[in-house]
Each structure stands twice: as structure tokens, then as C-alpha cells.
Amino acid sequence: MKAVLSFDLEEFDIPEEYGQKVSVQDQMEVSARGTDALLNLLDRYGIPATFFTTGHYARENRPLMARVAARHEIASHALYHSPFHDFQIEDVRESKEILEALTGQEVVGFRMPRLKPFDLSKLAAWGFEYDASLNPTWLPGRYNLLHENPQPHIREGLIELPSSTTPLLRFPLFWLSFKNLPVRLFAWLCYRTLRKRDFLILYFHPWEFASLAAYQLPSYVKRVDGERLLARLDFLIRYLQKRGVTFTTSRDYCRREMPQIADLSR
């Protein structure tokens, strides 16, 4: 049973969705504080993770990126995260070039900001091996993707790594359910999903692991944050490890568990 912890390392711009302006400095610093706390926890357990990073965030936080890249996979999260940025598919290639130049890593994975739909037909030609932009569930007001395949599969010459959902009901096992469900229930749902599917990919944001008290966010976004959320992640890691779950990166999962497909997409 393989599990991937993935983190969308981006500008902390979510308050702007709710009408609160956040300075560029705060956007960078909140995510940096959360990332620092996460890295300390992951180092303690010796767990590798995947950090989907925007090119803009990486350029503005080079020392932090060096620390992340030393032990973890760096993947692309486009160029900017802001909902006010006019996304162009070329942003994906530019972000890959920025991340590779800054970290020295080969960047082979992509996740679209806010998991919005986009044309991924060019990604394989640009050297990407997998996409992790699919959440095969129903989120009111955002998308209904219950018809999508919840297992890793091939699409447009890439491995598609869908965010994990529970069997049958397709309940999403992502950042909002992690902080709003009782942690033991969330951990049990993760393990049950692993037993059925042998694979789990969870996604969070580093800014969640910093204090959000100063920001005007809905309670379901910030009700558990900072140290309290870090304690939940600590519990989840220990819960899964005790049951024989191995943590890996998205890239290593694709290359080791799906090698024939990974070779085709290189």
C-alpha cells in the first residue's frame, strides 16, 4: 500500500476569494511558515512528499525551495496561483523551466491551480510524465466529476493521478475533509481506501499549517490550522505507518508502480 502526501506550495491568496486583500509579502510569508513546519515534521519521520509549486512562489523564495528540493519532489503548479491571473497553457512550460533551474530537479508532474479544467495535450511533449489535477468527486459550486476514473490511468500520453476519494460514495479525501472530519475518522477512511485501491494521494496547502487567525476566511477553511493541524498530520502519518503503509512521491509511484506507462510518457 502506497500513499503520497502532496502539498500545493503557492501564494497565500485564498483570502482574496473572500474579499480580503493580502500583501505580496504576507502571501509569501504565510506559506513559508507553514512549509517550514511541514518540513520539520516530514524530516522527523523521514517521509518524502511532493510539492506542487508555482513558478512565481519559487522565484521569490529561493532558499526555501532549496530546502524543499533537498528531500522532496518538486512538481509544477503553474506560474501563478491567483484567480485574477489569466492562465495560459504556456505558463506550465515556463513554470517547469523556472523550477528546474532553481532546484536542479527534473520536473515531471503538474497540478492545475484550483483543479480547474485545462488542455493538457501539450504536457507530454514538454517532458511531463503525470498530471494530478483531477478530483473525481462532486463539490457543489465547483465541479461534478463523479463520472471520472478514480484510479491512476492514462490520458493524453500522461499518467493521471486522481486525488483520492472513498470507494462507492466518492467522498473526497482532501484538505477540507482532513480539517473538518474527526481525525480518526479521516485516517480510517484513508486506510479503507488504501485497502480497496492500494494507492492514496492526499493534497494539502502549506499555508494551512500556519496561523490563519488574522484572515477573513470561512470557519471550514480555518477552524483547524497551524499547530493543531500539524498534530493531525502527525497522527495520520503514525496511523498509516502502523498499518504497513509506505509513503512515496508522485514521481516515484509513477516510475516504480507503473513503469511501462512512465516509459511511454517520457
C-alpha atoms as a PDB file:
ATOM      1  CA  MET A   1       0.000   0.000   0.000  1.00  0.00           C
ATOM      2  CA  LYS A   2       1.489   3.288  -1.186  1.00  0.00           C
ATOM      3  CA  ALA A   3       0.491   6.765  -0.048  1.00  0.00           C
ATOM      4  CA  VAL A   4       1.521  10.168  -1.363  1.00  0.00           C
ATOM      5  CA  LEU A   5       1.383  13.343   0.708  1.00  0.00           C
ATOM      6  CA  SER A   6       1.223  16.256  -1.712  1.00  0.00           C
ATOM      7  CA  PHE A   7       1.274  19.970  -0.920  1.00  0.00           C
ATOM      8  CA  ASP A   8       0.357  22.863  -3.190  1.00  0.00           C
ATOM      9  CA  LEU A   9       3.125  25.370  -2.439  1.00  0.00           C
ATOM     10  CA  GLU A  10       1.663  28.623  -3.678  1.00  0.00           C
ATOM     11  CA  GLU A  11       0.992  32.235  -2.851  1.00  0.00           C
ATOM     12  CA  PHE A  12      -1.397  32.550   0.109  1.00  0.00           C
ATOM     13  CA  ASP A  13      -4.128  34.248  -1.896  1.00  0.00           C
ATOM     14  CA  ILE A  14      -7.238  32.449  -0.669  1.00  0.00           C
ATOM     15  CA  PRO A  15      -8.428  35.449   1.432  1.00  0.00           C
ATOM     16  CA  GLU A  16      -8.813  37.374  -1.819  1.00  0.00           C
ATOM     17  CA  GLU A  17     -11.538  34.938  -2.846  1.00  0.00           C
ATOM     18  CA  TYR A  18     -13.482  36.300   0.126  1.00  0.00           C
ATOM     19  CA  GLY A  19     -12.756  39.975  -0.443  1.00  0.00           C
ATOM     20  CA  GLN A  20      -9.736  40.477   1.812  1.00  0.00           C
ATOM     21  CA  LYS A  21      -6.627  41.960   0.233  1.00  0.00           C
ATOM     22  CA  VAL A  22      -3.368  40.298   1.266  1.00  0.00           C
ATOM     23  CA  SER A  23       0.018  41.904   0.646  1.00  0.00           C
ATOM     24  CA  VAL A  24       2.523  40.084  -1.525  1.00  0.00           C
ATOM     25  CA  GLN A  25       4.832  39.828   1.480  1.00  0.00           C
ATOM     26  CA  ASP A  26       2.131  38.161   3.595  1.00  0.00           C
ATOM     27  CA  GLN A  27       1.258  35.789   0.759  1.00  0.00           C
ATOM     28  CA  MET A  28       4.852  34.620   0.706  1.00  0.00           C
ATOM     29  CA  GLU A  29       5.468  34.554   4.456  1.00  0.00           C
ATOM     30  CA  VAL A  30       2.339  32.638   5.476  1.00  0.00           C
ATOM     31  CA  SER A  31       3.143  29.843   3.034  1.00  0.00           C
ATOM     32  CA  ALA A  32       6.801  29.880   4.129  1.00  0.00           C
ATOM     33  CA  ARG A  33       5.892  29.491   7.817  1.00  0.00           C
ATOM     34  CA  GLY A  34       3.626  26.566   7.048  1.00  0.00           C
ATOM     35  CA  THR A  35       6.226  24.959   4.804  1.00  0.00           C
ATOM     36  CA  ASP A  36       8.901  25.239   7.473  1.00  0.00           C
ATOM     37  CA  ALA A  37       6.655  23.458   9.994  1.00  0.00           C
ATOM     38  CA  LEU A  38       5.795  20.740   7.476  1.00  0.00           C
ATOM     39  CA  LEU A  39       9.418  20.094   6.563  1.00  0.00           C
ATOM     40  CA  ASN A  40      10.321  19.638  10.222  1.00  0.00           C
ATOM     41  CA  LEU A  41       7.555  17.049  10.631  1.00  0.00           C
ATOM     42  CA  LEU A  42       8.410  15.171   7.431  1.00  0.00           C
ATOM     43  CA  ASP A  43      12.104  15.161   8.354  1.00  0.00           C
ATOM     44  CA  ARG A  44      11.264  13.628  11.714  1.00  0.00           C
ATOM     45  CA  TYR A  45       9.607  10.670  10.016  1.00  0.00           C
ATOM     46  CA  GLY A  46      11.940  10.533   7.019  1.00  0.00           C
ATOM     47  CA  ILE A  47       8.980  10.795   4.654  1.00  0.00           C
ATOM     48  CA  PRO A  48       9.298  12.133   1.092  1.00  0.00           C
ATOM     49  CA  ALA A  49       6.465  14.245  -0.287  1.00  0.00           C
ATOM     50  CA  THR A  50       5.537  16.050  -3.498  1.00  0.00           C
ATOM     51  CA  PHE A  51       5.374  19.856  -3.516  1.00  0.00           C
ATOM     52  CA  PHE A  52       3.400  21.278  -6.445  1.00  0.00           C
ATOM     53  CA  THR A  53       4.942  24.743  -6.635  1.00  0.00           C
ATOM     54  CA  THR A  54       4.118  27.841  -8.653  1.00  0.00           C
ATOM     55  CA  GLY A  55       6.966  29.345 -10.611  1.00  0.00           C
ATOM     56  CA  HIS A  56       6.289  32.746  -9.041  1.00  0.00           C
ATOM     57  CA  TYR A  57       6.486  31.414  -5.498  1.00  0.00           C
ATOM     58  CA  ALA A  58       9.708  29.561  -6.246  1.00  0.00           C
ATOM     59  CA  ARG A  59      11.402  32.646  -7.730  1.00  0.00           C
ATOM     60  CA  GLU A  60      10.558  34.717  -4.656  1.00  0.00           C
ATOM     61  CA  ASN A  61      11.587  32.080  -2.091  1.00  0.00           C
ATOM     62  CA  ARG A  62      14.793  30.519  -3.368  1.00  0.00           C
ATOM     63  CA  PRO A  63      16.386  29.461  -0.042  1.00  0.00           C
ATOM     64  CA  LEU A  64      13.147  27.755   0.998  1.00  0.00           C
ATOM     65  CA  MET A  65      12.943  25.977  -2.353  1.00  0.00           C
ATOM     66  CA  ALA A  66      16.457  24.658  -1.919  1.00  0.00           C
ATOM     67  CA  ARG A  67      15.464  23.150   1.416  1.00  0.00           C
ATOM     68  CA  VAL A  68      12.310  21.572  -0.019  1.00  0.00           C
ATOM     69  CA  ALA A  69      14.106  20.166  -3.059  1.00  0.00           C
ATOM     70  CA  ALA A  70      16.834  18.569  -0.925  1.00  0.00           C
ATOM     71  CA  ARG A  71      14.473  15.773   0.213  1.00  0.00           C
ATOM     72  CA  HIS A  72      11.220  16.092  -1.701  1.00  0.00           C
ATOM     73  CA  GLU A  73       9.852  16.065  -5.220  1.00  0.00           C
ATOM     74  CA  ILE A  74       9.224  19.410  -6.881  1.00  0.00           C
ATOM     75  CA  ALA A  75       6.356  19.489  -9.370  1.00  0.00           C
ATOM     76  CA  SER A  76       4.663  22.324 -11.222  1.00  0.00           C
ATOM     77  CA  HIS A  77       1.601  24.219 -10.004  1.00  0.00           C
ATOM     78  CA  ALA A  78       1.648  26.596 -12.996  1.00  0.00           C
ATOM     79  CA  LEU A  79       3.174  30.068 -12.927  1.00  0.00           C
ATOM     80  CA  TYR A  80       0.783  31.964 -10.632  1.00  0.00           C
ATOM     81  CA  HIS A  81      -1.975  30.769  -8.324  1.00  0.00           C
ATOM     82  CA  SER A  82      -4.050  33.938  -8.220  1.00  0.00           C
ATOM     83  CA  PRO A  83      -7.603  33.600  -9.601  1.00  0.00           C
ATOM     84  CA  PHE A  84      -7.031  37.003 -11.231  1.00  0.00           C
ATOM     85  CA  HIS A  85      -4.163  35.728 -13.365  1.00  0.00           C
ATOM     86  CA  ASP A  86      -5.140  34.934 -16.933  1.00  0.00           C
ATOM     87  CA  PHE A  87      -3.829  31.375 -17.202  1.00  0.00           C
ATOM     88  CA  GLN A  88      -2.212  30.354 -20.473  1.00  0.00           C
ATOM     89  CA  ILE A  89      -1.048  26.811 -21.194  1.00  0.00           C
ATOM     90  CA  GLU A  90       2.448  28.151 -21.872  1.00  0.00           C
ATOM     91  CA  ASP A  91       2.568  29.086 -18.181  1.00  0.00           C
ATOM     92  CA  VAL A  92       3.038  25.385 -17.459  1.00  0.00           C
ATOM     93  CA  ARG A  93       6.173  25.100 -19.556  1.00  0.00           C
ATOM     94  CA  GLU A  94       7.575  28.340 -18.113  1.00  0.00           C
ATOM     95  CA  SER A  95       6.974  27.159 -14.557  1.00  0.00           C
ATOM     96  CA  LYS A  96       8.742  23.874 -15.321  1.00  0.00           C
ATOM     97  CA  GLU A  97      11.771  25.748 -16.636  1.00  0.00           C
ATOM     98  CA  ILE A  98      11.882  28.023 -13.579  1.00  0.00           C
ATOM     99  CA  LEU A  99      11.566  25.144 -11.108  1.00  0.00           C
ATOM    100  CA  GLU A 100      14.207  23.035 -12.817  1.00  0.00           C
ATOM    101  CA  ALA A 101      16.651  25.940 -12.975  1.00  0.00           C
ATOM    102  CA  LEU A 102      16.163  26.806  -9.291  1.00  0.00           C
ATOM    103  CA  THR A 103      16.179  23.290  -7.824  1.00  0.00           C
ATOM    104  CA  GLY A 104      18.249  21.188 -10.221  1.00  0.00           C
ATOM    105  CA  GLN A 105      15.422  18.630 -10.276  1.00  0.00           C
ATOM    106  CA  GLU A 106      13.713  17.204 -13.323  1.00  0.00           C
ATOM    107  CA  VAL A 107      10.099  18.390 -13.054  1.00  0.00           C
ATOM    108  CA  VAL A 108       7.732  15.764 -14.444  1.00  0.00           C
ATOM    109  CA  GLY A 109       4.443  16.398 -12.621  1.00  0.00           C
ATOM    110  CA  PHE A 110       1.746  19.058 -12.841  1.00  0.00           C
ATOM    111  CA  ARG A 111      -1.327  20.105 -10.869  1.00  0.00           C
ATOM    112  CA  MET A 112      -3.592  22.884 -12.108  1.00  0.00           C
ATOM    113  CA  PRO A 113      -4.359  25.676  -9.605  1.00  0.00           C
ATOM    114  CA  ARG A 114      -7.790  25.143  -8.057  1.00  0.00           C
ATOM    115  CA  LEU A 115      -8.010  21.961 -10.170  1.00  0.00           C
ATOM    116  CA  LYS A 116      -9.634  23.922 -12.965  1.00  0.00           C
ATOM    117  CA  PRO A 117     -10.101  22.231 -16.353  1.00  0.00           C
ATOM    118  CA  PHE A 118      -7.405  22.889 -18.934  1.00  0.00           C
ATOM    119  CA  ASP A 119      -5.966  21.450 -22.143  1.00  0.00           C
ATOM    120  CA  LEU A 120      -3.228  19.009 -21.119  1.00  0.00           C
ATOM    121  CA  SER A 121      -2.466  17.765 -24.635  1.00  0.00           C
ATOM    122  CA  LYS A 122       0.935  19.526 -24.770  1.00  0.00           C
ATOM    123  CA  LEU A 123       2.293  18.381 -21.412  1.00  0.00           C
ATOM    124  CA  ALA A 124       3.794  15.065 -22.522  1.00  0.00           C
ATOM    125  CA  ALA A 125       5.745  16.785 -25.296  1.00  0.00           C
ATOM    126  CA  TRP A 126       7.172  19.202 -22.716  1.00  0.00           C
ATOM    127  CA  GLY A 127       8.559  16.344 -20.620  1.00  0.00           C
ATOM    128  CA  PHE A 128       5.770  15.858 -18.108  1.00  0.00           C
ATOM    129  CA  GLU A 129       5.019  12.285 -17.065  1.00  0.00           C
ATOM    130  CA  TYR A 130       1.916  12.741 -14.936  1.00  0.00           C
ATOM    131  CA  ASP A 131      -0.923  15.122 -14.127  1.00  0.00           C
ATOM    132  CA  ALA A 132      -2.581  15.364 -10.710  1.00  0.00           C
ATOM    133  CA  SER A 133      -5.338  17.865 -11.486  1.00  0.00           C
ATOM    134  CA  LEU A 134      -8.325  15.525 -11.277  1.00  0.00           C
ATOM    135  CA  ASN A 135     -10.569  15.258  -8.213  1.00  0.00           C
ATOM    136  CA  PRO A 136     -13.139  12.621  -9.224  1.00  0.00           C
ATOM    137  CA  THR A 137     -15.898  13.734  -6.876  1.00  0.00           C
ATOM    138  CA  TRP A 138     -18.744  16.238  -6.614  1.00  0.00           C
ATOM    139  CA  LEU A 139     -18.018  19.579  -4.970  1.00  0.00           C
ATOM    140  CA  PRO A 140     -21.095  21.840  -5.001  1.00  0.00           C
ATOM    141  CA  GLY A 141     -20.422  25.065  -6.858  1.00  0.00           C
ATOM    142  CA  ARG A 142     -17.114  23.844  -8.299  1.00  0.00           C
ATOM    143  CA  TYR A 143     -17.403  20.629 -10.292  1.00  0.00           C
ATOM    144  CA  ASN A 144     -19.109  17.278 -10.655  1.00  0.00           C
ATOM    145  CA  LEU A 145     -16.580  14.658 -11.797  1.00  0.00           C
ATOM    146  CA  LEU A 146     -18.242  11.521 -10.496  1.00  0.00           C
ATOM    147  CA  HIS A 147     -18.016  10.052 -13.986  1.00  0.00           C
ATOM    148  CA  GLU A 148     -14.195  10.175 -13.957  1.00  0.00           C
ATOM    149  CA  ASN A 149     -11.934   7.191 -13.249  1.00  0.00           C
ATOM    150  CA  PRO A 150     -10.789   7.370  -9.584  1.00  0.00           C
ATOM    151  CA  GLN A 151      -7.778   5.118 -10.190  1.00  0.00           C
ATOM    152  CA  PRO A 152      -4.449   6.077 -11.833  1.00  0.00           C
ATOM    153  CA  HIS A 153      -4.896   5.853 -15.597  1.00  0.00           C
ATOM    154  CA  ILE A 154      -3.632   7.205 -18.923  1.00  0.00           C
ATOM    155  CA  ARG A 155      -4.837  10.432 -20.500  1.00  0.00           C
ATOM    156  CA  GLU A 156      -3.210  12.385 -23.341  1.00  0.00           C
ATOM    157  CA  GLY A 157       0.016  10.395 -23.012  1.00  0.00           C
ATOM    158  CA  LEU A 158       0.280  11.118 -19.271  1.00  0.00           C
ATOM    159  CA  ILE A 159      -0.386   9.186 -16.125  1.00  0.00           C
ATOM    160  CA  GLU A 160      -3.413  10.772 -14.451  1.00  0.00           C
ATOM    161  CA  LEU A 161      -3.126  10.592 -10.658  1.00  0.00           C
ATOM    162  CA  PRO A 162      -6.582  11.470  -9.325  1.00  0.00           C
ATOM    163  CA  SER A 163      -6.942  12.860  -5.828  1.00  0.00           C
ATOM    164  CA  SER A 164      -8.198  10.078  -3.609  1.00  0.00           C
ATOM    165  CA  THR A 165     -11.854   9.549  -2.869  1.00  0.00           C
ATOM    166  CA  THR A 166     -13.500   6.799  -0.880  1.00  0.00           C
ATOM    167  CA  PRO A 167     -14.849   3.761  -2.742  1.00  0.00           C
ATOM    168  CA  LEU A 168     -18.533   3.812  -3.687  1.00  0.00           C
ATOM    169  CA  LEU A 169     -19.548   7.229  -2.319  1.00  0.00           C
ATOM    170  CA  ARG A 170     -16.536   9.076  -3.779  1.00  0.00           C
ATOM    171  CA  PHE A 171     -16.159  11.190  -0.638  1.00  0.00           C
ATOM    172  CA  PRO A 172     -13.109  13.438  -1.219  1.00  0.00           C
ATOM    173  CA  LEU A 173     -10.070  12.807   0.975  1.00  0.00           C
ATOM    174  CA  PHE A 174      -8.531  16.234   0.628  1.00  0.00           C
ATOM    175  CA  TRP A 175      -7.585  19.256   2.704  1.00  0.00           C
ATOM    176  CA  LEU A 176     -11.090  20.363   3.664  1.00  0.00           C
ATOM    177  CA  SER A 177     -12.236  16.946   4.837  1.00  0.00           C
ATOM    178  CA  PHE A 178      -8.928  16.486   6.679  1.00  0.00           C
ATOM    179  CA  LYS A 179      -9.538  19.524   8.858  1.00  0.00           C
ATOM    180  CA  ASN A 180     -13.316  19.217   9.263  1.00  0.00           C
ATOM    181  CA  LEU A 181     -13.779  15.499   9.947  1.00  0.00           C
ATOM    182  CA  PRO A 182     -12.671  13.908  13.224  1.00  0.00           C
ATOM    183  CA  VAL A 183      -9.067  12.936  12.553  1.00  0.00           C
ATOM    184  CA  ARG A 184      -9.584   9.288  13.485  1.00  0.00           C
ATOM    185  CA  LEU A 185     -12.458   9.018  11.027  1.00  0.00           C
ATOM    186  CA  PHE A 186     -10.396  10.639   8.269  1.00  0.00           C
ATOM    187  CA  ALA A 187      -7.488   8.283   8.971  1.00  0.00           C
ATOM    188  CA  TRP A 188      -9.814   5.262   8.903  1.00  0.00           C
ATOM    189  CA  LEU A 189     -11.298   6.375   5.567  1.00  0.00           C
ATOM    190  CA  CYS A 190      -7.795   6.720   4.145  1.00  0.00           C
ATOM    191  CA  TYR A 191      -6.835   3.233   5.266  1.00  0.00           C
ATOM    192  CA  ARG A 192     -10.085   1.735   3.983  1.00  0.00           C
ATOM    193  CA  THR A 193      -9.472   3.396   0.616  1.00  0.00           C
ATOM    194  CA  LEU A 194      -5.930   2.009   0.553  1.00  0.00           C
ATOM    195  CA  ARG A 195      -7.169  -1.499   1.287  1.00  0.00           C
ATOM    196  CA  LYS A 196      -9.547  -1.287  -1.672  1.00  0.00           C
ATOM    197  CA  ARG A 197      -7.311   0.539  -4.150  1.00  0.00           C
ATOM    198  CA  ASP A 198      -3.691   0.055  -2.954  1.00  0.00           C
ATOM    199  CA  PHE A 199      -2.976   3.735  -3.597  1.00  0.00           C
ATOM    200  CA  LEU A 200      -3.698   7.017  -1.843  1.00  0.00           C
ATOM    201  CA  ILE A 201      -2.833  10.570  -2.855  1.00  0.00           C
ATOM    202  CA  LEU A 202      -3.801  13.356  -0.464  1.00  0.00           C
ATOM    203  CA  TYR A 203      -3.352  17.071  -1.041  1.00  0.00           C
ATOM    204  CA  PHE A 204      -2.999  19.978   1.332  1.00  0.00           C
ATOM    205  CA  HIS A 205      -1.536  23.516   1.295  1.00  0.00           C
ATOM    206  CA  PRO A 206       1.444  24.608   3.387  1.00  0.00           C
ATOM    207  CA  TRP A 207      -0.355  27.836   4.349  1.00  0.00           C
ATOM    208  CA  GLU A 208      -2.890  25.737   6.278  1.00  0.00           C
ATOM    209  CA  PHE A 209      -0.127  24.811   8.723  1.00  0.00           C
ATOM    210  CA  ALA A 210       0.443  28.456   9.692  1.00  0.00           C
ATOM    211  CA  SER A 211      -1.866  30.547  11.876  1.00  0.00           C
ATOM    212  CA  LEU A 212      -4.827  31.928   9.906  1.00  0.00           C
ATOM    213  CA  ALA A 213      -6.482  33.837  12.749  1.00  0.00           C
ATOM    214  CA  ALA A 214      -5.809  37.254  11.189  1.00  0.00           C
ATOM    215  CA  TYR A 215      -7.628  36.477   7.941  1.00  0.00           C
ATOM    216  CA  GLN A 216     -11.295  36.673   6.982  1.00  0.00           C
ATOM    217  CA  LEU A 217     -11.924  33.100   5.944  1.00  0.00           C
ATOM    218  CA  PRO A 218     -14.912  30.795   6.425  1.00  0.00           C
ATOM    219  CA  SER A 219     -14.724  28.651   9.542  1.00  0.00           C
ATOM    220  CA  TYR A 220     -14.480  25.457   7.499  1.00  0.00           C
ATOM    221  CA  VAL A 221     -11.254  26.810   5.943  1.00  0.00           C
ATOM    222  CA  LYS A 222      -9.503  27.983   9.099  1.00  0.00           C
ATOM    223  CA  ARG A 223     -11.192  26.230  12.023  1.00  0.00           C
ATOM    224  CA  VAL A 224      -8.162  23.930  12.398  1.00  0.00           C
ATOM    225  CA  ASP A 225      -4.840  25.461  11.416  1.00  0.00           C
ATOM    226  CA  GLY A 226      -1.220  25.841  12.489  1.00  0.00           C
ATOM    227  CA  GLU A 227      -0.014  23.551  15.246  1.00  0.00           C
ATOM    228  CA  ARG A 228      -3.400  21.861  15.640  1.00  0.00           C
ATOM    229  CA  LEU A 229      -3.423  20.847  12.000  1.00  0.00           C
ATOM    230  CA  LEU A 230       0.187  19.739  12.213  1.00  0.00           C
ATOM    231  CA  ALA A 231      -0.775  17.461  15.110  1.00  0.00           C
ATOM    232  CA  ARG A 232      -3.477  15.927  12.915  1.00  0.00           C
ATOM    233  CA  LEU A 233      -0.977  15.202  10.172  1.00  0.00           C
ATOM    234  CA  ASP A 234       1.376  13.672  12.732  1.00  0.00           C
ATOM    235  CA  PHE A 235      -1.445  11.373  13.862  1.00  0.00           C
ATOM    236  CA  LEU A 236      -2.339  10.424  10.280  1.00  0.00           C
ATOM    237  CA  ILE A 237       1.252   9.501   9.448  1.00  0.00           C
ATOM    238  CA  ARG A 238       1.618   7.335  12.556  1.00  0.00           C
ATOM    239  CA  TYR A 239      -1.795   5.701  11.994  1.00  0.00           C
ATOM    240  CA  LEU A 240      -0.942   4.660   8.437  1.00  0.00           C
ATOM    241  CA  GLN A 241       2.643   3.623   9.168  1.00  0.00           C
ATOM    242  CA  LYS A 242       1.461   1.285  11.935  1.00  0.00           C
ATOM    243  CA  ARG A 243      -0.700  -0.445   9.335  1.00  0.00           C
ATOM    244  CA  GLY A 244       2.139  -1.044   6.913  1.00  0.00           C
ATOM    245  CA  VAL A 245       1.603   1.913   4.596  1.00  0.00           C
ATOM    246  CA  THR A 246       4.691   3.226   2.778  1.00  0.00           C
ATOM    247  CA  PHE A 247       4.954   6.890   1.810  1.00  0.00           C
ATOM    248  CA  THR A 248       6.382   7.853  -1.565  1.00  0.00           C
ATOM    249  CA  THR A 249       6.338  10.732  -4.055  1.00  0.00           C
ATOM    250  CA  SER A 250       4.059  11.042  -7.054  1.00  0.00           C
ATOM    251  CA  ARG A 251       7.038  10.716  -9.407  1.00  0.00           C
ATOM    252  CA  ASP A 252       8.377   7.572  -7.723  1.00  0.00           C
ATOM    253  CA  TYR A 253       4.938   5.989  -7.655  1.00  0.00           C
ATOM    254  CA  CYS A 254       4.572   6.503 -11.404  1.00  0.00           C
ATOM    255  CA  ARG A 255       8.032   5.184 -12.209  1.00  0.00           C
ATOM    256  CA  ARG A 256       8.075   2.218  -9.833  1.00  0.00           C
ATOM    257  CA  GLU A 257       4.466   1.104  -9.755  1.00  0.00           C
ATOM    258  CA  MET A 258       3.563   1.991 -13.358  1.00  0.00           C
ATOM    259  CA  PRO A 259       6.946   1.739 -15.124  1.00  0.00           C
ATOM    260  CA  GLN A 260       5.682   0.746 -18.548  1.00  0.00           C
ATOM    261  CA  ILE A 261       3.399   3.777 -18.638  1.00  0.00           C
ATOM    262  CA  ALA A 262       6.076   6.104 -17.276  1.00  0.00           C
ATOM    263  CA  ASP A 263       8.473   4.980 -20.028  1.00  0.00           C
ATOM    264  CA  LEU A 264       5.899   5.759 -22.684  1.00  0.00           C
ATOM    265  CA  SER A 265       5.231   9.248 -21.329  1.00  0.00           C
ATOM    266  CA  ARG A 266       8.892  10.299 -21.060  1.00  0.00           C
END
